[in-house]
Amino acid sequence: MHPKRNYKQNIHLIKMKRKAIAIALLLLSVLTVSAQEEIVRDKSVYLEVFGPSNYIGVNYDARFSKNSKWGYRVGFGFGYSSSSGPLGDASTRAYSVPLGVNYFVGNNKHNLELGLGVNVGFYNNHDYILEGIYGNDAAGKPQLLGVKSVPTKDNKFGMFGFGTVGYRYTAKKGFQFRIGVTPARIIAADNIYDRKMVLMPYISFGKAF
């Protein structure tokens, strides 16, 4: 083999190796940047139905620090319930603030979400009570002539503790979906028998950023 031709071939191989290494480093940097972009999505805002938000609520969720599995949530919820009875229709409107901490088990996209928190609320109640109708008999003595249904309303403070066990999905572009169950127990009520454990489902849709 001619020495000059062999030298040129070696130079060509060296250049090809350098190009291959450069391409590999470029691809590695692109993958690294892509992975970092996924990790950055540690905050989210979502609309939640049922669960800790009562009937419906808007919540903000964030990690305590970058790449942390631990985080917190805070929001505003609204609830409504009504019933009909022989005295009239009764209803309750709830305006509440769910507060909690949570922990993720999984990766950036799919996570098991475990949480604990408390919902502090203001409850506006509308109800009916029976009220006596009094008058005087023929002798002028007071007597009960009958009863009537009278509407009443009052405002009360309420609070319940809750847990969350569910699935959280976060897409690369930021779409977020959550679904799970919320065991809850009332911890501030007028009647001790109202402080029972309940199990509520929840579902939410939001945006991670």
N, C-alpha and C. Protein backbone atom coordinates (compact mmCIF):
# COMPACT_ATOMS: atom_id res chain seq x y z
N MET A 1 0.85 -1.20 0.00
CA MET A 1 0.00 0.00 0.00
C MET A 1 0.88 1.24 0.00
N HIS A 2 0.39 2.26 -0.73
CA HIS A 2 1.17 3.48 -0.85
C HIS A 2 1.13 4.24 0.47
N PRO A 3 2.29 4.75 0.98
CA PRO A 3 2.33 5.46 2.27
C PRO A 3 1.44 6.68 2.29
N LYS A 4 1.40 7.47 1.23
CA LYS A 4 0.60 8.70 1.22
C LYS A 4 -0.89 8.37 1.29
N ARG A 5 -1.30 7.29 0.56
CA ARG A 5 -2.71 6.91 0.58
C ARG A 5 -3.12 6.43 1.99
N ASN A 6 -2.26 5.66 2.64
CA ASN A 6 -2.52 5.17 4.00
C ASN A 6 -2.64 6.32 4.98
N TYR A 7 -1.81 7.33 4.83
CA TYR A 7 -1.84 8.51 5.70
C TYR A 7 -3.16 9.27 5.54
N LYS A 8 -3.60 9.43 4.30
CA LYS A 8 -4.86 10.13 4.04
C LYS A 8 -6.05 9.38 4.62
N GLN A 9 -6.00 8.04 4.53
CA GLN A 9 -7.09 7.25 5.10
C GLN A 9 -7.16 7.41 6.61
N ASN A 10 -6.00 7.44 7.26
CA ASN A 10 -5.96 7.63 8.71
C ASN A 10 -6.54 8.99 9.11
N ILE A 11 -6.16 10.03 8.34
CA ILE A 11 -6.68 11.36 8.62
C ILE A 11 -8.21 11.38 8.46
N HIS A 12 -8.71 10.71 7.43
CA HIS A 12 -10.14 10.65 7.18
C HIS A 12 -10.87 9.94 8.33
N LEU A 13 -10.30 8.84 8.83
CA LEU A 13 -10.92 8.10 9.94
C LEU A 13 -10.95 8.93 11.21
N ILE A 14 -9.88 9.68 11.45
CA ILE A 14 -9.83 10.53 12.64
C ILE A 14 -10.92 11.60 12.58
N LYS A 15 -11.09 12.20 11.39
CA LYS A 15 -12.12 13.22 11.22
C LYS A 15 -13.52 12.63 11.43
N MET A 16 -13.73 11.40 10.92
CA MET A 16 -15.02 10.75 11.07
C MET A 16 -15.31 10.46 12.54
N LYS A 17 -14.30 10.04 13.28
CA LYS A 17 -14.47 9.77 14.71
C LYS A 17 -14.82 11.03 15.47
N ARG A 18 -14.13 12.13 15.09
CA ARG A 18 -14.40 13.41 15.76
C ARG A 18 -15.84 13.86 15.52
N LYS A 19 -16.31 13.68 14.28
CA LYS A 19 -17.69 14.05 13.96
C LYS A 19 -18.68 13.19 14.74
N ALA A 20 -18.39 11.89 14.85
CA ALA A 20 -19.28 10.98 15.58
C ALA A 20 -19.35 11.37 17.06
N ILE A 21 -18.18 11.70 17.63
CA ILE A 21 -18.15 12.12 19.04
C ILE A 21 -18.92 13.41 19.24
N ALA A 22 -18.76 14.36 18.30
CA ALA A 22 -19.46 15.63 18.40
C ALA A 22 -20.98 15.44 18.32
N ILE A 23 -21.41 14.56 17.42
CA ILE A 23 -22.85 14.28 17.28
C ILE A 23 -23.40 13.63 18.55
N ALA A 24 -22.63 12.68 19.11
CA ALA A 24 -23.05 12.01 20.34
C ALA A 24 -23.17 12.99 21.50
N LEU A 25 -22.21 13.90 21.63
CA LEU A 25 -22.26 14.90 22.69
C LEU A 25 -23.44 15.84 22.51
N LEU A 26 -23.75 16.19 21.24
CA LEU A 26 -24.88 17.05 20.96
C LEU A 26 -26.20 16.39 21.36
N LEU A 27 -26.33 15.10 20.99
CA LEU A 27 -27.54 14.36 21.35
C LEU A 27 -27.68 14.23 22.87
N LEU A 28 -26.57 14.00 23.55
CA LEU A 28 -26.58 13.87 25.00
C LEU A 28 -27.02 15.17 25.66
N SER A 29 -26.54 16.30 25.12
CA SER A 29 -26.92 17.59 25.69
C SER A 29 -28.39 17.88 25.47
N VAL A 30 -28.92 17.48 24.29
CA VAL A 30 -30.34 17.69 24.00
C VAL A 30 -31.21 16.87 24.94
N LEU A 31 -30.81 15.62 25.18
CA LEU A 31 -31.56 14.76 26.09
C LEU A 31 -31.50 15.28 27.51
N THR A 32 -30.34 15.80 27.91
CA THR A 32 -30.20 16.35 29.26
C THR A 32 -31.08 17.57 29.46
N VAL A 33 -31.10 18.46 28.47
CA VAL A 33 -31.93 19.65 28.55
C VAL A 33 -33.40 19.27 28.59
N SER A 34 -33.78 18.26 27.78
CA SER A 34 -35.17 17.81 27.76
C SER A 34 -35.59 17.27 29.11
N ALA A 35 -34.69 16.48 29.73
CA ALA A 35 -34.99 15.93 31.06
C ALA A 35 -35.13 17.04 32.09
N GLN A 36 -34.27 18.04 32.00
CA GLN A 36 -34.34 19.14 32.94
C GLN A 36 -35.63 19.93 32.78
N GLU A 37 -36.11 20.08 31.52
CA GLU A 37 -37.35 20.80 31.28
C GLU A 37 -38.53 20.08 31.92
N GLU A 38 -38.53 18.74 31.93
CA GLU A 38 -39.60 17.98 32.56
C GLU A 38 -39.58 18.17 34.07
N ILE A 39 -38.41 18.19 34.68
CA ILE A 39 -38.29 18.32 36.12
C ILE A 39 -38.75 19.69 36.60
N VAL A 40 -38.59 20.72 35.76
CA VAL A 40 -38.93 22.09 36.15
C VAL A 40 -40.42 22.23 36.47
N ARG A 41 -41.30 21.42 35.94
CA ARG A 41 -42.74 21.54 36.15
C ARG A 41 -43.11 21.07 37.56
N ASP A 42 -42.77 21.88 38.55
CA ASP A 42 -43.02 21.50 39.95
C ASP A 42 -44.14 22.32 40.59
N LYS A 43 -44.89 23.07 39.78
CA LYS A 43 -46.03 23.84 40.27
C LYS A 43 -47.23 23.56 39.37
N SER A 44 -48.42 23.69 39.92
CA SER A 44 -49.62 23.46 39.10
C SER A 44 -50.82 24.19 39.68
N VAL A 45 -51.78 24.46 38.81
CA VAL A 45 -53.08 25.01 39.18
C VAL A 45 -54.13 24.09 38.58
N TYR A 46 -55.10 23.67 39.39
CA TYR A 46 -56.08 22.72 38.87
C TYR A 46 -57.47 22.97 39.45
N LEU A 47 -58.47 22.55 38.68
CA LEU A 47 -59.87 22.59 39.08
C LEU A 47 -60.23 21.21 39.63
N GLU A 48 -60.67 21.15 40.86
CA GLU A 48 -60.96 19.88 41.53
C GLU A 48 -62.45 19.77 41.81
N VAL A 49 -63.01 18.60 41.52
CA VAL A 49 -64.41 18.30 41.78
C VAL A 49 -64.50 17.27 42.90
N PHE A 50 -65.26 17.60 43.95
CA PHE A 50 -65.41 16.79 45.15
C PHE A 50 -64.08 16.69 45.91
N GLY A 51 -63.97 15.71 46.79
CA GLY A 51 -62.74 15.56 47.56
C GLY A 51 -62.53 16.70 48.55
N PRO A 52 -61.28 17.09 48.77
CA PRO A 52 -60.97 18.14 49.75
C PRO A 52 -61.61 19.50 49.44
N SER A 53 -62.01 19.73 48.19
CA SER A 53 -62.60 21.02 47.81
C SER A 53 -64.10 21.10 48.06
N ASN A 54 -64.67 20.09 48.74
CA ASN A 54 -66.12 20.00 48.93
C ASN A 54 -66.78 19.66 47.60
N TYR A 55 -67.48 20.61 47.00
CA TYR A 55 -68.18 20.35 45.74
C TYR A 55 -67.28 20.65 44.54
N ILE A 56 -66.69 21.83 44.53
CA ILE A 56 -65.79 22.22 43.45
C ILE A 56 -64.83 23.28 43.98
N GLY A 57 -63.59 23.30 43.46
CA GLY A 57 -62.63 24.27 43.94
C GLY A 57 -61.44 24.45 43.01
N VAL A 58 -60.74 25.54 43.20
CA VAL A 58 -59.52 25.85 42.45
C VAL A 58 -58.35 25.79 43.43
N ASN A 59 -57.28 25.07 43.04
CA ASN A 59 -56.16 24.85 43.95
C ASN A 59 -54.83 25.15 43.29
N TYR A 60 -53.89 25.57 44.13
CA TYR A 60 -52.49 25.77 43.72
C TYR A 60 -51.65 24.74 44.44
N ASP A 61 -50.76 24.08 43.69
CA ASP A 61 -49.93 23.01 44.24
C ASP A 61 -48.47 23.26 43.84
N ALA A 62 -47.52 23.03 44.77
CA ALA A 62 -46.11 23.24 44.47
C ALA A 62 -45.26 22.34 45.33
N ARG A 63 -44.02 22.08 44.85
CA ARG A 63 -43.04 21.35 45.64
C ARG A 63 -42.36 22.31 46.62
N PHE A 64 -41.91 21.80 47.75
CA PHE A 64 -41.21 22.64 48.72
C PHE A 64 -39.87 23.12 48.19
N SER A 65 -39.25 22.32 47.33
CA SER A 65 -38.00 22.71 46.68
C SER A 65 -37.91 21.99 45.35
N LYS A 66 -37.02 22.44 44.49
CA LYS A 66 -36.88 21.84 43.16
C LYS A 66 -36.53 20.36 43.27
N ASN A 67 -37.26 19.53 42.50
CA ASN A 67 -37.08 18.08 42.45
C ASN A 67 -37.48 17.38 43.75
N SER A 68 -38.14 18.07 44.68
CA SER A 68 -38.57 17.46 45.93
C SER A 68 -39.82 16.62 45.71
N LYS A 69 -39.94 15.51 46.40
CA LYS A 69 -41.14 14.69 46.37
C LYS A 69 -42.22 15.27 47.29
N TRP A 70 -41.83 16.12 48.23
CA TRP A 70 -42.76 16.73 49.17
C TRP A 70 -43.28 18.05 48.63
N GLY A 71 -44.57 18.31 48.83
CA GLY A 71 -45.15 19.55 48.38
C GLY A 71 -46.35 19.95 49.21
N TYR A 72 -47.04 20.98 48.78
CA TYR A 72 -48.20 21.48 49.51
C TYR A 72 -49.28 21.93 48.54
N ARG A 73 -50.48 22.10 49.06
CA ARG A 73 -51.60 22.59 48.28
C ARG A 73 -52.40 23.60 49.10
N VAL A 74 -52.96 24.59 48.42
CA VAL A 74 -53.85 25.57 49.05
C VAL A 74 -54.87 25.99 48.00
N GLY A 75 -56.10 26.21 48.42
CA GLY A 75 -57.11 26.54 47.42
C GLY A 75 -58.35 27.18 48.02
N PHE A 76 -59.37 27.29 47.19
CA PHE A 76 -60.66 27.81 47.61
C PHE A 76 -61.73 26.88 47.05
N GLY A 77 -62.62 26.42 47.95
CA GLY A 77 -63.65 25.48 47.53
C GLY A 77 -65.05 25.99 47.84
N PHE A 78 -66.00 25.45 47.12
CA PHE A 78 -67.41 25.79 47.32
C PHE A 78 -68.22 24.51 47.38
N GLY A 79 -69.16 24.46 48.33
CA GLY A 79 -70.03 23.30 48.45
C GLY A 79 -71.48 23.73 48.62
N TYR A 80 -72.40 22.86 48.23
CA TYR A 80 -73.82 23.16 48.35
C TYR A 80 -74.59 21.87 48.57
N SER A 81 -75.55 21.93 49.49
CA SER A 81 -76.44 20.79 49.72
C SER A 81 -77.83 21.31 50.04
N SER A 82 -78.84 20.53 49.72
CA SER A 82 -80.22 20.95 49.98
C SER A 82 -81.07 19.72 50.31
N SER A 83 -82.16 19.97 50.99
CA SER A 83 -83.10 18.90 51.33
C SER A 83 -84.50 19.48 51.47
N SER A 84 -85.48 18.63 51.29
CA SER A 84 -86.88 19.05 51.42
C SER A 84 -87.54 18.30 52.57
N GLY A 85 -88.35 19.01 53.32
CA GLY A 85 -89.04 18.40 54.45
C GLY A 85 -90.43 18.96 54.60
N PRO A 86 -91.19 18.48 55.59
CA PRO A 86 -92.56 18.97 55.79
C PRO A 86 -92.64 20.45 56.15
N LEU A 87 -91.53 21.00 56.70
CA LEU A 87 -91.55 22.42 57.07
C LEU A 87 -91.11 23.34 55.93
N GLY A 88 -90.37 22.79 54.98
CA GLY A 88 -89.87 23.60 53.88
C GLY A 88 -88.53 23.09 53.39
N ASP A 89 -87.95 23.81 52.45
CA ASP A 89 -86.66 23.42 51.88
C ASP A 89 -85.51 24.00 52.71
N ALA A 90 -84.51 23.16 52.99
CA ALA A 90 -83.32 23.59 53.73
C ALA A 90 -82.11 23.49 52.81
N SER A 91 -81.13 24.36 53.02
CA SER A 91 -79.92 24.34 52.19
C SER A 91 -78.72 24.84 52.98
N THR A 92 -77.54 24.44 52.54
CA THR A 92 -76.29 24.88 53.15
C THR A 92 -75.31 25.23 52.05
N ARG A 93 -74.68 26.38 52.18
CA ARG A 93 -73.61 26.80 51.26
C ARG A 93 -72.32 26.85 52.04
N ALA A 94 -71.28 26.26 51.48
CA ALA A 94 -69.99 26.19 52.17
C ALA A 94 -68.92 26.92 51.35
N TYR A 95 -68.17 27.78 52.04
CA TYR A 95 -67.04 28.49 51.43
C TYR A 95 -65.81 28.10 52.24
N SER A 96 -64.88 27.41 51.63
CA SER A 96 -63.81 26.81 52.42
C SER A 96 -62.44 26.95 51.77
N VAL A 97 -61.42 26.71 52.60
CA VAL A 97 -60.03 26.75 52.17
C VAL A 97 -59.37 25.41 52.51
N PRO A 98 -59.11 24.55 51.51
CA PRO A 98 -58.39 23.31 51.77
C PRO A 98 -56.87 23.55 51.81
N LEU A 99 -56.22 23.07 52.86
CA LEU A 99 -54.78 23.19 53.03
C LEU A 99 -54.21 21.80 53.27
N GLY A 100 -53.09 21.48 52.63
CA GLY A 100 -52.53 20.16 52.84
C GLY A 100 -51.11 20.02 52.36
N VAL A 101 -50.49 18.91 52.75
CA VAL A 101 -49.17 18.51 52.27
C VAL A 101 -49.31 17.19 51.53
N ASN A 102 -48.43 16.94 50.57
CA ASN A 102 -48.51 15.70 49.82
C ASN A 102 -47.11 15.17 49.48
N TYR A 103 -47.10 13.91 49.10
CA TYR A 103 -45.85 13.22 48.77
C TYR A 103 -46.08 12.38 47.53
N PHE A 104 -45.11 12.42 46.60
CA PHE A 104 -45.22 11.68 45.35
C PHE A 104 -44.37 10.41 45.39
N VAL A 105 -44.92 9.34 44.84
CA VAL A 105 -44.18 8.10 44.62
C VAL A 105 -44.27 7.81 43.12
N GLY A 106 -43.15 7.94 42.43
CA GLY A 106 -43.16 7.71 40.99
C GLY A 106 -42.17 8.60 40.27
N ASN A 107 -42.45 8.85 38.99
CA ASN A 107 -41.56 9.67 38.17
C ASN A 107 -42.22 10.99 37.82
N ASN A 108 -41.65 11.69 36.86
CA ASN A 108 -42.17 13.01 36.51
C ASN A 108 -43.55 12.96 35.86
N LYS A 109 -43.88 11.85 35.23
CA LYS A 109 -45.12 11.75 34.47
C LYS A 109 -46.23 11.05 35.24
N HIS A 110 -45.93 9.94 35.88
CA HIS A 110 -46.92 9.14 36.60
C HIS A 110 -46.54 9.08 38.08
N ASN A 111 -47.49 9.43 38.94
CA ASN A 111 -47.21 9.44 40.37
C ASN A 111 -48.39 8.93 41.19
N LEU A 112 -48.04 8.21 42.25
CA LEU A 112 -48.99 7.93 43.32
C LEU A 112 -48.92 9.12 44.27
N GLU A 113 -50.05 9.76 44.52
CA GLU A 113 -50.10 10.94 45.38
C GLU A 113 -50.70 10.59 46.73
N LEU A 114 -49.96 10.86 47.80
CA LEU A 114 -50.41 10.63 49.16
C LEU A 114 -50.42 11.96 49.90
N GLY A 115 -51.52 12.28 50.57
CA GLY A 115 -51.58 13.59 51.22
C GLY A 115 -52.40 13.61 52.49
N LEU A 116 -52.16 14.65 53.30
CA LEU A 116 -52.92 14.91 54.52
C LEU A 116 -53.19 16.41 54.59
N GLY A 117 -54.37 16.76 55.12
CA GLY A 117 -54.66 18.18 55.22
C GLY A 117 -55.90 18.47 56.03
N VAL A 118 -56.30 19.73 56.00
CA VAL A 118 -57.48 20.18 56.73
C VAL A 118 -58.24 21.18 55.85
N ASN A 119 -59.55 21.12 55.92
CA ASN A 119 -60.41 22.06 55.20
C ASN A 119 -61.10 22.95 56.24
N VAL A 120 -60.84 24.25 56.16
CA VAL A 120 -61.43 25.22 57.08
C VAL A 120 -62.51 25.98 56.32
N GLY A 121 -63.74 25.99 56.87
CA GLY A 121 -64.83 26.56 56.10
C GLY A 121 -65.82 27.40 56.88
N PHE A 122 -66.57 28.19 56.12
CA PHE A 122 -67.64 29.04 56.62
C PHE A 122 -68.93 28.50 55.99
N TYR A 123 -69.90 28.12 56.84
CA TYR A 123 -71.11 27.46 56.37
C TYR A 123 -72.33 28.34 56.62
N ASN A 124 -73.05 28.64 55.54
CA ASN A 124 -74.25 29.46 55.59
C ASN A 124 -75.48 28.54 55.47
N ASN A 125 -76.23 28.41 56.57
CA ASN A 125 -77.34 27.47 56.64
C ASN A 125 -78.69 28.18 56.55
N HIS A 126 -79.58 27.63 55.75
CA HIS A 126 -80.97 28.12 55.64
C HIS A 126 -81.89 26.95 55.98
N ASP A 127 -82.78 27.17 56.98
CA ASP A 127 -83.64 26.09 57.46
C ASP A 127 -84.99 26.66 57.90
N TYR A 128 -85.86 25.77 58.41
CA TYR A 128 -87.17 26.17 58.91
C TYR A 128 -87.37 25.59 60.30
N ILE A 129 -88.04 26.35 61.16
CA ILE A 129 -88.39 25.86 62.50
C ILE A 129 -89.89 26.11 62.72
N LEU A 130 -90.43 25.39 63.70
CA LEU A 130 -91.84 25.59 64.07
C LEU A 130 -91.94 26.67 65.14
N GLU A 131 -92.87 27.55 64.94
CA GLU A 131 -93.09 28.65 65.90
C GLU A 131 -94.57 28.67 66.27
N GLY A 132 -94.85 28.81 67.57
CA GLY A 132 -96.22 28.80 68.04
C GLY A 132 -96.98 30.07 67.70
N ILE A 133 -98.30 29.90 67.46
CA ILE A 133 -99.21 31.03 67.24
C ILE A 133 -100.10 31.13 68.47
N TYR A 134 -100.01 32.22 69.17
CA TYR A 134 -100.73 32.37 70.43
C TYR A 134 -101.84 33.43 70.30
N GLY A 135 -102.87 33.23 71.10
CA GLY A 135 -103.98 34.18 71.17
C GLY A 135 -104.69 34.04 72.50
N ASN A 136 -105.82 34.68 72.64
CA ASN A 136 -106.59 34.61 73.87
C ASN A 136 -107.92 33.91 73.62
N ASP A 137 -108.31 33.15 74.62
CA ASP A 137 -109.61 32.48 74.51
C ASP A 137 -110.72 33.47 74.90
N ALA A 138 -111.94 32.94 74.99
CA ALA A 138 -113.10 33.80 75.30
C ALA A 138 -112.97 34.47 76.66
N ALA A 139 -112.24 33.81 77.55
CA ALA A 139 -112.07 34.37 78.90
C ALA A 139 -110.88 35.32 78.98
N GLY A 140 -110.19 35.50 77.89
CA GLY A 140 -109.04 36.40 77.87
C GLY A 140 -107.73 35.75 78.28
N LYS A 141 -107.75 34.43 78.45
CA LYS A 141 -106.54 33.74 78.81
C LYS A 141 -105.74 33.36 77.55
N PRO A 142 -104.38 33.49 77.63
CA PRO A 142 -103.56 33.12 76.45
C PRO A 142 -103.62 31.63 76.19
N GLN A 143 -103.64 31.31 74.94
CA GLN A 143 -103.65 29.90 74.57
C GLN A 143 -102.95 29.72 73.22
N LEU A 144 -102.49 28.49 72.98
CA LEU A 144 -101.82 28.15 71.72
C LEU A 144 -102.87 27.86 70.67
N LEU A 145 -102.86 28.68 69.63
CA LEU A 145 -103.85 28.51 68.57
C LEU A 145 -103.36 27.59 67.46
N GLY A 146 -102.05 27.48 67.31
CA GLY A 146 -101.49 26.64 66.26
C GLY A 146 -99.99 26.86 66.13
N VAL A 147 -99.42 26.31 65.07
CA VAL A 147 -97.99 26.47 64.81
C VAL A 147 -97.79 26.87 63.35
N LYS A 148 -96.67 27.49 63.11
CA LYS A 148 -96.34 27.87 61.74
C LYS A 148 -94.86 27.63 61.47
N SER A 149 -94.53 27.46 60.20
CA SER A 149 -93.14 27.24 59.78
C SER A 149 -92.48 28.58 59.51
N VAL A 150 -91.35 28.80 60.16
CA VAL A 150 -90.65 30.08 60.05
C VAL A 150 -89.24 29.85 59.49
N PRO A 151 -88.86 30.58 58.44
CA PRO A 151 -87.50 30.40 57.90
C PRO A 151 -86.44 31.00 58.84
N THR A 152 -85.32 30.32 58.93
CA THR A 152 -84.20 30.81 59.74
C THR A 152 -82.91 30.67 58.94
N LYS A 153 -81.89 31.40 59.34
CA LYS A 153 -80.58 31.26 58.73
C LYS A 153 -79.52 31.57 59.77
N ASP A 154 -78.39 30.89 59.66
CA ASP A 154 -77.27 31.15 60.55
C ASP A 154 -75.97 30.82 59.84
N ASN A 155 -74.88 31.32 60.37
CA ASN A 155 -73.54 31.09 59.82
C ASN A 155 -72.70 30.37 60.86
N LYS A 156 -71.99 29.35 60.44
CA LYS A 156 -71.19 28.56 61.36
C LYS A 156 -69.81 28.29 60.77
N PHE A 157 -68.86 28.10 61.67
CA PHE A 157 -67.51 27.70 61.31
C PHE A 157 -67.43 26.18 61.33
N GLY A 158 -66.77 25.61 60.34
CA GLY A 158 -66.61 24.16 60.28
C GLY A 158 -65.22 23.77 59.81
N MET A 159 -64.82 22.56 60.15
CA MET A 159 -63.49 22.09 59.76
C MET A 159 -63.48 20.57 59.69
N PHE A 160 -62.83 20.04 58.65
CA PHE A 160 -62.66 18.59 58.59
C PHE A 160 -61.25 18.25 58.11
N GLY A 161 -60.72 17.19 58.68
CA GLY A 161 -59.42 16.69 58.26
C GLY A 161 -59.59 15.70 57.12
N PHE A 162 -58.62 15.64 56.23
CA PHE A 162 -58.75 14.75 55.07
C PHE A 162 -57.41 14.13 54.69
N GLY A 163 -57.49 13.03 53.99
CA GLY A 163 -56.33 12.40 53.37
C GLY A 163 -56.60 12.27 51.88
N THR A 164 -55.56 12.07 51.10
CA THR A 164 -55.73 11.83 49.66
C THR A 164 -54.86 10.65 49.25
N VAL A 165 -55.47 9.75 48.51
CA VAL A 165 -54.76 8.61 47.92
C VAL A 165 -55.21 8.55 46.47
N GLY A 166 -54.29 8.84 45.55
CA GLY A 166 -54.73 8.87 44.16
C GLY A 166 -53.59 8.84 43.16
N TYR A 167 -53.98 8.93 41.91
CA TYR A 167 -53.05 8.91 40.78
C TYR A 167 -52.95 10.32 40.19
N ARG A 168 -51.73 10.74 39.88
CA ARG A 168 -51.50 12.05 39.24
C ARG A 168 -50.69 11.84 37.97
N TYR A 169 -51.24 12.36 36.86
CA TYR A 169 -50.57 12.30 35.56
C TYR A 169 -50.22 13.71 35.12
N THR A 170 -48.96 13.92 34.73
CA THR A 170 -48.51 15.21 34.23
C THR A 170 -47.83 15.00 32.88
N ALA A 171 -48.40 15.58 31.83
CA ALA A 171 -47.85 15.43 30.48
C ALA A 171 -46.64 16.34 30.29
N LYS A 172 -45.86 16.07 29.23
CA LYS A 172 -44.67 16.87 28.96
C LYS A 172 -45.00 18.33 28.73
N LYS A 173 -46.15 18.60 28.11
CA LYS A 173 -46.53 19.98 27.82
C LYS A 173 -47.27 20.65 28.96
N GLY A 174 -47.48 19.92 30.08
CA GLY A 174 -48.04 20.54 31.26
C GLY A 174 -49.46 20.15 31.64
N PHE A 175 -50.18 19.44 30.76
CA PHE A 175 -51.53 19.02 31.13
C PHE A 175 -51.46 18.09 32.34
N GLN A 176 -52.37 18.30 33.29
CA GLN A 176 -52.35 17.50 34.52
C GLN A 176 -53.73 16.91 34.81
N PHE A 177 -53.74 15.64 35.22
CA PHE A 177 -54.97 14.94 35.55
C PHE A 177 -54.77 14.20 36.88
N ARG A 178 -55.75 14.32 37.78
CA ARG A 178 -55.68 13.65 39.07
C ARG A 178 -57.00 12.93 39.33
N ILE A 179 -56.91 11.76 39.97
CA ILE A 179 -58.11 11.03 40.36
C ILE A 179 -57.78 10.18 41.57
N GLY A 180 -58.73 10.07 42.51
CA GLY A 180 -58.46 9.29 43.69
C GLY A 180 -59.61 9.35 44.68
N VAL A 181 -59.30 8.99 45.94
CA VAL A 181 -60.29 9.00 47.01
C VAL A 181 -59.78 9.84 48.17
N THR A 182 -60.73 10.38 48.93
CA THR A 182 -60.42 11.24 50.07
C THR A 182 -61.15 10.74 51.31
N PRO A 183 -60.47 10.06 52.23
CA PRO A 183 -61.10 9.79 53.52
C PRO A 183 -61.11 11.08 54.34
N ALA A 184 -62.25 11.41 54.95
CA ALA A 184 -62.39 12.68 55.67
C ALA A 184 -63.17 12.47 56.96
N ARG A 185 -62.86 13.32 57.94
CA ARG A 185 -63.56 13.27 59.23
C ARG A 185 -63.77 14.70 59.73
N ILE A 186 -65.01 15.02 60.10
CA ILE A 186 -65.32 16.34 60.65
C ILE A 186 -64.69 16.46 62.03
N ILE A 187 -63.96 17.54 62.26
CA ILE A 187 -63.28 17.74 63.54
C ILE A 187 -63.76 18.98 64.27
N ALA A 188 -64.71 19.70 63.69
CA ALA A 188 -65.32 20.85 64.35
C ALA A 188 -66.79 20.88 63.99
N ALA A 189 -67.64 20.41 64.93
CA ALA A 189 -69.08 20.36 64.69
C ALA A 189 -69.81 20.53 66.03
N ASP A 190 -71.05 21.01 65.96
CA ASP A 190 -71.83 21.22 67.17
C ASP A 190 -72.21 19.90 67.83
N ASN A 191 -72.48 18.90 67.00
CA ASN A 191 -72.92 17.61 67.51
C ASN A 191 -71.80 16.60 67.34
N ILE A 192 -71.40 15.95 68.43
CA ILE A 192 -70.29 14.99 68.36
C ILE A 192 -70.62 13.82 67.44
N TYR A 193 -71.93 13.54 67.27
CA TYR A 193 -72.31 12.43 66.40
C TYR A 193 -72.16 12.76 64.92
N ASP A 194 -71.98 14.05 64.61
CA ASP A 194 -71.73 14.45 63.23
C ASP A 194 -70.29 14.19 62.82
N ARG A 195 -69.42 13.88 63.79
CA ARG A 195 -67.99 13.72 63.50
C ARG A 195 -67.68 12.29 63.06
N LYS A 196 -68.26 11.90 61.95
CA LYS A 196 -68.07 10.56 61.45
C LYS A 196 -67.12 10.57 60.25
N MET A 197 -66.56 9.42 59.94
CA MET A 197 -65.64 9.27 58.82
C MET A 197 -66.44 9.05 57.54
N VAL A 198 -66.05 9.74 56.48
CA VAL A 198 -66.68 9.56 55.17
C VAL A 198 -65.58 9.34 54.13
N LEU A 199 -65.95 8.74 53.02
CA LEU A 199 -65.02 8.50 51.92
C LEU A 199 -65.56 9.17 50.67
N MET A 200 -64.80 10.11 50.11
CA MET A 200 -65.25 10.87 48.95
C MET A 200 -64.30 10.67 47.77
N PRO A 201 -64.82 10.55 46.56
CA PRO A 201 -63.95 10.53 45.38
C PRO A 201 -63.54 11.94 45.00
N TYR A 202 -62.52 12.07 44.17
CA TYR A 202 -62.16 13.37 43.62
C TYR A 202 -61.56 13.19 42.24
N ILE A 203 -61.68 14.23 41.43
CA ILE A 203 -61.08 14.25 40.10
C ILE A 203 -60.72 15.70 39.78
N SER A 204 -59.60 15.91 39.10
CA SER A 204 -59.20 17.28 38.79
C SER A 204 -58.48 17.34 37.45
N PHE A 205 -58.53 18.52 36.85
CA PHE A 205 -57.83 18.82 35.60
C PHE A 205 -57.12 20.15 35.78
N GLY A 206 -55.88 20.22 35.30
CA GLY A 206 -55.16 21.47 35.49
C GLY A 206 -53.95 21.60 34.59
N LYS A 207 -53.10 22.56 34.95
CA LYS A 207 -51.91 22.89 34.18
C LYS A 207 -50.72 22.94 35.11
N ALA A 208 -49.67 22.20 34.75
CA ALA A 208 -48.41 22.22 35.50
C ALA A 208 -47.43 23.14 34.78
N PHE A 209 -46.61 23.83 35.57
CA PHE A 209 -45.65 24.76 34.97
C PHE A 209 -44.39 24.85 35.82
